[in-house]
N, C-alpha and C. Protein backbone atom coordinates (compact mmCIF):
# COMPACT_ATOMS: atom_id res chain seq x y z
N UNK A 1 178.27 91.64 -47.55
CA UNK A 1 180.01 92.44 -47.75
C UNK A 1 180.94 90.60 -48.12
N UNK A 2 181.43 90.78 -49.55
CA UNK A 2 182.62 90.19 -49.38
C UNK A 2 183.84 90.17 -48.33
N UNK A 3 184.57 89.19 -48.63
CA UNK A 3 186.03 89.50 -47.57
C UNK A 3 187.13 89.72 -47.88
N UNK A 4 187.84 90.40 -47.68
CA UNK A 4 189.10 91.23 -47.87
C UNK A 4 189.78 89.84 -49.60
N UNK A 5 190.74 90.31 -50.16
CA UNK A 5 191.43 89.50 -50.99
C UNK A 5 192.56 89.85 -50.26
N UNK A 6 193.77 88.62 -51.08
CA UNK A 6 194.86 88.64 -49.94
C UNK A 6 196.05 88.32 -51.13
N UNK A 7 197.08 88.87 -51.11
CA UNK A 7 198.08 88.12 -52.27
C UNK A 7 199.66 88.33 -51.59
N UNK A 8 199.74 87.49 -51.86
CA UNK A 8 201.48 87.44 -50.91
C UNK A 8 202.36 87.57 -52.50
N UNK A 9 203.51 88.39 -51.33
CA UNK A 9 205.06 88.73 -52.94
C UNK A 9 205.98 88.34 -51.05
N UNK A 10 206.67 88.59 -52.13
CA UNK A 10 208.31 88.73 -51.68
C UNK A 10 208.90 90.56 -51.77
N UNK A 11 209.20 91.34 -51.58
CA UNK A 11 210.24 92.39 -51.40
C UNK A 11 211.78 92.75 -50.86
N UNK A 12 212.82 93.21 -51.81
CA UNK A 12 213.96 93.17 -51.10
C UNK A 12 214.44 94.46 -51.41
N UNK A 13 214.21 95.63 -51.09
CA UNK A 13 214.70 96.61 -50.83
C UNK A 13 215.49 97.77 -50.35
N UNK A 14 216.95 97.63 -50.44
CA UNK A 14 218.49 98.03 -50.01
C UNK A 14 217.56 99.84 -49.23
N UNK A 15 218.46 100.67 -48.03
CA UNK A 15 218.48 101.19 -47.83
C UNK A 15 218.12 101.79 -48.29
N UNK A 16 219.59 102.36 -49.79
CA UNK A 16 219.69 103.01 -50.44
C UNK A 16 218.72 103.77 -51.96
N UNK A 17 218.40 102.94 -51.70
CA UNK A 17 217.29 102.96 -52.99
C UNK A 17 215.82 102.90 -52.33
N UNK A 18 215.35 103.19 -50.85
CA UNK A 18 214.60 103.43 -50.05
C UNK A 18 214.14 105.12 -50.00
N UNK A 19 215.69 105.37 -50.26
CA UNK A 19 215.86 106.66 -49.83
C UNK A 19 215.20 107.21 -50.52
N UNK A 20 215.12 106.84 -52.10
CA UNK A 20 214.50 108.10 -53.16
C UNK A 20 212.78 107.91 -52.89
N UNK A 21 212.21 106.81 -52.26
CA UNK A 21 210.63 107.30 -52.19
C UNK A 21 210.29 107.95 -50.93
N UNK A 22 211.36 108.16 -49.80
CA UNK A 22 211.30 109.42 -48.92
C UNK A 22 211.85 110.91 -49.51
N UNK A 23 212.33 111.08 -50.35
CA UNK A 23 212.63 112.18 -50.67
C UNK A 23 211.43 112.64 -51.98
N UNK A 24 211.00 111.31 -52.21
CA UNK A 24 209.32 111.65 -52.98
C UNK A 24 209.46 111.91 -54.45
N UNK A 25 210.99 110.59 -55.18
CA UNK A 25 211.30 110.59 -56.20
C UNK A 25 211.12 109.60 -56.34
N UNK A 26 209.91 108.88 -56.39
CA UNK A 26 209.69 107.80 -56.21
C UNK A 26 207.79 107.33 -55.11
N UNK A 27 206.86 107.34 -55.80
CA UNK A 27 205.56 107.02 -55.12
C UNK A 27 205.12 106.03 -54.71
N UNK A 28 205.73 105.10 -55.95
CA UNK A 28 204.85 103.70 -55.70
C UNK A 28 205.80 102.32 -55.16
N UNK A 29 206.21 101.71 -55.15
CA UNK A 29 206.32 99.92 -54.58
C UNK A 29 205.88 99.90 -56.08
N UNK A 30 206.71 98.61 -57.15
CA UNK A 30 205.97 98.00 -58.31
C UNK A 30 206.79 96.24 -57.85
N UNK A 31 205.52 95.37 -56.95
CA UNK A 31 205.65 94.31 -56.80
C UNK A 31 204.94 93.06 -57.63
N UNK A 32 205.48 91.85 -57.75
CA UNK A 32 205.37 90.74 -58.46
C UNK A 32 204.32 89.98 -56.96
N UNK A 33 203.69 88.99 -57.76
CA UNK A 33 202.91 88.14 -56.23
C UNK A 33 203.22 86.82 -56.46
N UNK A 34 203.24 86.43 -55.57
CA UNK A 34 203.03 84.55 -55.56
C UNK A 34 202.82 83.74 -56.62
N UNK A 35 201.69 84.76 -57.08
CA UNK A 35 200.46 84.26 -58.47
C UNK A 35 200.44 84.68 -60.13
N UNK A 36 201.76 85.90 -60.01
CA UNK A 36 202.21 86.34 -60.80
C UNK A 36 201.73 87.44 -61.48
N UNK A 37 200.86 88.60 -60.39
CA UNK A 37 200.01 89.39 -60.66
C UNK A 37 201.10 90.56 -60.63
N UNK A 38 201.19 91.60 -60.77
CA UNK A 38 202.01 92.78 -60.53
C UNK A 38 201.19 93.75 -59.71
N UNK A 39 201.32 94.41 -58.58
CA UNK A 39 200.34 95.70 -58.20
C UNK A 39 201.60 96.45 -57.75
N UNK A 40 200.88 97.44 -57.93
CA UNK A 40 201.52 99.12 -57.96
C UNK A 40 201.05 99.24 -56.06
N UNK A 41 201.89 99.59 -55.11
CA UNK A 41 200.97 99.70 -54.16
C UNK A 41 201.93 101.13 -53.87
N UNK A 42 200.82 101.98 -52.84
CA UNK A 42 201.93 103.49 -51.91
C UNK A 42 203.30 102.74 -51.20
N UNK A 43 204.12 103.76 -51.72
CA UNK A 43 205.28 103.18 -50.94
C UNK A 43 205.30 103.66 -49.54
N UNK A 44 204.22 104.51 -48.77
CA UNK A 44 204.24 105.25 -48.12
C UNK A 44 203.76 104.33 -46.63
N UNK A 45 202.92 103.18 -47.45
CA UNK A 45 202.64 101.70 -46.78
C UNK A 45 204.07 100.79 -46.07
N UNK A 46 204.35 100.77 -47.01
CA UNK A 46 205.53 100.44 -46.50
C UNK A 46 206.78 100.94 -45.73
N UNK A 47 206.32 101.78 -44.70
CA UNK A 47 207.19 102.95 -44.45
C UNK A 47 207.27 102.42 -42.85
N UNK A 48 206.29 101.13 -42.31
CA UNK A 48 206.56 100.90 -40.86
C UNK A 48 207.85 99.02 -41.03
N UNK A 49 207.86 99.15 -41.80
CA UNK A 49 208.66 97.46 -42.13
C UNK A 49 210.00 98.24 -42.72
N UNK A 50 210.08 100.09 -42.48
CA UNK A 50 211.69 99.95 -43.48
C UNK A 50 212.86 99.56 -41.75
N UNK A 51 213.87 98.80 -42.04
CA UNK A 51 214.98 98.77 -41.02
C UNK A 51 216.15 99.38 -41.33
N UNK A 52 217.23 99.36 -40.78
CA UNK A 52 217.94 100.11 -41.29
C UNK A 52 218.69 99.50 -42.65
N UNK A 53 218.53 98.41 -42.81
CA UNK A 53 219.25 97.62 -43.99
C UNK A 53 218.40 98.12 -45.32
N UNK A 54 216.86 98.17 -45.16
CA UNK A 54 216.23 98.73 -46.61
C UNK A 54 214.35 97.49 -45.71
N UNK A 55 214.34 97.18 -47.15
CA UNK A 55 213.28 96.29 -46.85
C UNK A 55 213.39 95.25 -46.75
N UNK A 56 212.76 93.85 -46.43
CA UNK A 56 212.85 92.69 -46.73
C UNK A 56 212.50 91.95 -46.31
N UNK A 57 212.07 91.27 -46.96
CA UNK A 57 210.95 90.01 -46.51
C UNK A 57 209.47 89.48 -47.64
N UNK A 58 208.36 88.75 -46.55
CA UNK A 58 207.10 88.00 -47.60
C UNK A 58 206.18 89.03 -46.30
N UNK A 59 205.45 89.27 -47.98
CA UNK A 59 204.04 90.57 -47.19
C UNK A 59 203.10 89.96 -48.05
N UNK A 60 201.51 90.37 -47.24
CA UNK A 60 200.79 89.64 -47.23
C UNK A 60 199.78 91.55 -47.88
N UNK A 61 198.77 91.48 -48.80
CA UNK A 61 198.25 92.65 -48.78
C UNK A 61 196.98 92.11 -48.82
N UNK A 62 195.95 92.73 -48.21
CA UNK A 62 194.93 93.12 -48.19
C UNK A 62 194.19 94.18 -49.11
N UNK A 63 193.07 94.03 -50.17
CA UNK A 63 192.25 94.74 -51.11
C UNK A 63 191.09 94.57 -50.67
N UNK A 64 189.79 95.57 -50.83
CA UNK A 64 188.28 95.54 -50.70
C UNK A 64 187.89 95.22 -52.01
N UNK A 65 186.75 95.06 -52.08
CA UNK A 65 186.11 94.49 -53.27
C UNK A 65 186.59 95.71 -54.45
N UNK A 66 186.90 96.69 -54.10
CA UNK A 66 186.84 98.48 -55.38
C UNK A 66 188.28 98.45 -55.06
N UNK A 67 189.06 97.09 -55.03
CA UNK A 67 190.65 97.42 -55.19
C UNK A 67 191.38 98.29 -53.79
N UNK A 68 190.96 98.78 -53.00
CA UNK A 68 191.16 99.47 -51.88
C UNK A 68 192.04 98.84 -51.19
N UNK A 69 193.41 99.06 -51.34
CA UNK A 69 194.46 99.01 -50.00
C UNK A 69 193.76 98.81 -48.78
N UNK A 70 193.70 98.00 -48.14
CA UNK A 70 193.00 98.33 -46.66
C UNK A 70 194.01 97.20 -45.49
N UNK A 71 195.31 96.31 -45.80
CA UNK A 71 196.24 96.10 -44.99
C UNK A 71 197.66 95.71 -45.40
N UNK A 72 197.94 95.90 -44.92
CA UNK A 72 199.76 95.79 -45.61
C UNK A 72 200.54 95.07 -44.37
N UNK A 73 200.92 94.09 -44.19
CA UNK A 73 201.33 92.87 -43.07
C UNK A 73 202.58 91.88 -43.46
N UNK A 74 203.97 91.95 -42.85
CA UNK A 74 204.49 91.71 -43.40
C UNK A 74 204.20 89.73 -42.81
N UNK A 75 204.55 88.55 -43.10
CA UNK A 75 204.27 87.58 -43.51
C UNK A 75 205.26 86.42 -42.65
N UNK A 76 204.55 85.72 -41.68
CA UNK A 76 206.01 84.80 -40.41
C UNK A 76 206.27 83.48 -41.69
């Protein structure tokens, strides 16, 4: 079995904008990785990271060999 692939990206979404995801108006978050790839990630994956001010920070996403999301975590 191959090890998971990791990509890193920065994300800044204001709380007002993220309410669109809660209302179901948007289901995916589009990000550009540090190496320039564009990813479409489910908005639900970001719910643990939502603060009163929104979402802000650097993240690491891991995928399996079939490009299925394994894990999303905040980078330190």
